[in-house]
Protein backbone atom coordinates (compact mmCIF):
# COMPACT_ATOMS: atom_id res chain seq x y z
CA MET A 1 125.46 78.23 141.36
CA SER A 2 127.56 81.29 142.11
CA ASP A 3 126.97 84.76 141.42
CA TYR A 4 129.93 85.59 139.97
CA GLY A 5 129.52 87.66 136.38
CA SER A 6 126.30 88.87 137.43
CA THR A 7 125.68 92.45 137.73
CA PRO A 8 125.21 93.76 140.81
CA PRO A 9 121.61 95.49 141.86
CA PRO A 10 120.64 99.32 141.40
CA PRO A 11 121.65 101.46 144.22
CA PRO A 12 118.76 102.84 146.35
CA PRO A 13 117.29 106.10 145.62
CA PRO A 14 118.76 109.22 147.40
CA PRO A 15 116.70 110.04 150.39
CA GLY A 16 114.81 113.06 149.47
CA ASP A 17 110.97 114.40 149.93
CA GLY A 18 109.77 111.50 147.72
CA GLY A 19 107.16 114.67 146.60
CA GLY A 20 108.71 115.03 143.08
CA TYR A 21 109.49 118.69 143.44
CA ALA A 22 112.58 119.52 142.33
CA ALA A 23 113.57 123.41 143.17
CA SER A 24 117.31 123.56 142.02
CA THR A 25 119.42 122.12 139.50
CA PRO A 26 118.22 118.06 139.42
CA ALA A 27 120.84 115.72 140.96
CA GLY A 28 120.44 112.98 139.26
CA GLY A 29 119.26 113.94 135.83
CA GLY A 30 115.86 114.87 136.79
CA GLN A 31 113.53 117.92 135.46
CA ILE A 32 113.13 121.27 137.35
CA GLU A 33 110.34 123.86 136.73
CA HIS A 34 110.92 126.90 134.48
CA PRO A 35 111.43 129.78 136.19
CA LYS A 36 109.17 131.54 134.54
CA GLY A 37 106.31 129.01 134.25
CA MET A 38 104.11 130.17 137.25
CA THR A 39 104.78 134.02 136.37
CA VAL A 40 103.40 133.16 132.82
CA LEU A 41 100.42 131.53 134.04
CA ILE A 42 99.79 134.08 136.76
CA LEU A 43 100.01 136.93 134.64
CA GLY A 44 97.27 135.05 131.86
CA ILE A 45 95.33 134.43 134.74
CA LEU A 46 95.52 138.54 135.22
CA GLY A 47 94.79 139.21 132.06
CA LEU A 48 91.87 137.26 131.89
CA VAL A 49 89.76 138.30 135.09
CA CYS A 50 91.25 141.78 135.57
CA CYS A 51 93.90 143.63 133.52
CA SER A 52 93.76 142.60 129.56
CA PRO A 53 96.94 144.11 128.70
CA LEU A 54 98.53 141.41 130.83
CA GLY A 55 97.72 138.91 128.30
CA ILE A 56 99.97 140.46 125.91
CA VAL A 57 103.13 140.28 128.47
CA ALA A 58 101.50 136.60 129.18
CA PHE A 59 101.59 135.80 125.32
CA VAL A 60 104.98 137.20 125.15
CA MET A 61 106.88 135.20 127.97
CA GLY A 62 104.81 132.08 127.54
CA ASN A 63 106.31 131.85 123.91
CA ASN A 64 109.58 132.66 124.67
CA ALA A 65 109.80 130.18 127.74
CA LEU A 66 107.82 127.84 125.60
CA LYS A 67 111.36 128.32 123.19
CA GLU A 68 113.40 127.86 126.19
CA ILE A 69 111.76 124.31 127.20
CA ASP A 70 111.59 123.11 123.45
CA ALA A 71 115.63 123.86 123.28
CA GLN A 72 115.93 121.62 125.68
CA PRO A 73 113.57 118.69 125.88
CA GLY A 74 113.52 116.72 129.43
CA ARG A 75 115.36 119.31 131.61
CA TYR A 76 111.94 120.92 132.50
CA SER A 77 109.06 119.92 133.91
CA ASN A 78 105.96 122.50 133.57
CA ARG A 79 105.55 122.76 129.96
CA GLN A 80 101.72 122.37 130.56
CA ILE A 81 101.86 125.02 133.07
CA VAL A 82 103.32 127.53 130.49
CA GLN A 83 101.15 126.55 127.51
CA ILE A 84 98.01 127.06 129.75
CA GLY A 85 99.37 130.52 130.95
CA ARG A 86 100.17 131.23 127.20
CA ILE A 87 96.43 130.13 126.11
CA LEU A 88 95.11 132.86 128.77
CA GLY A 89 97.10 135.26 127.52
CA ILE A 90 95.61 135.02 124.12
CA ILE A 91 92.05 134.61 125.38
CA ALA A 92 92.67 137.86 127.67
CA ILE A 93 94.53 139.57 124.01
CA VAL A 94 91.20 138.41 121.99
CA LEU A 95 88.96 139.73 124.96
CA LEU A 96 90.72 143.13 124.54
CA VAL A 97 90.41 143.60 121.13
CA LEU A 98 86.78 142.86 120.76
CA THR A 99 86.25 145.47 123.68
CA VAL A 100 88.47 147.99 122.11
CA ILE A 101 86.27 147.32 118.42
CA TRP A 102 82.97 147.35 120.71
CA LEU A 103 84.36 150.96 121.89
CA VAL A 104 84.98 152.23 118.67
CA PHE A 105 81.57 151.12 117.22
CA LEU A 106 79.71 152.93 120.50
CA GLY A 107 82.13 156.12 119.55
CA GLY A 108 81.37 156.02 116.07
CA LEU A 109 77.79 155.50 116.53
CA ALA A 110 77.33 158.18 119.24
CA ALA A 111 78.77 160.39 116.54
CA VAL A 112 76.40 159.54 113.73
CA SER A 113 73.85 159.99 116.01
CA GLY A 114 74.33 163.67 116.92
CA GLY A 115 76.24 164.33 120.11
CA SER A 116 74.83 167.70 120.61
CA GLY A 117 71.03 167.56 121.74
CA SER A 118 70.32 170.98 120.94
CA SER A 119 69.29 172.27 117.28
CA MET A 120 68.41 175.99 116.39
């Protein structure tokens, strides 16, 4: 009844905050957040709410960040945040295009209806 030849138990986890948030390089192969993740999300929200051209920036940055995340699977933990920001950027771009089409339509309608109010 000896323990000779059996494997020892694994060491306890290192002390930390226990929140699961890794701010810098992982100490044991854990995941870190992509540095552009929150920026893409904020740009996507701003593009949707107040400034549609920011949607283009969110879409481009989101695509680049997703390529970096997919190139190194298991390194970054915030792929969903980047994806949400990218989708919000797409919605902002669609709204921007619809707004431009609407303005062109209204401008064309004003030109066809005769912009001058006086006729002699």
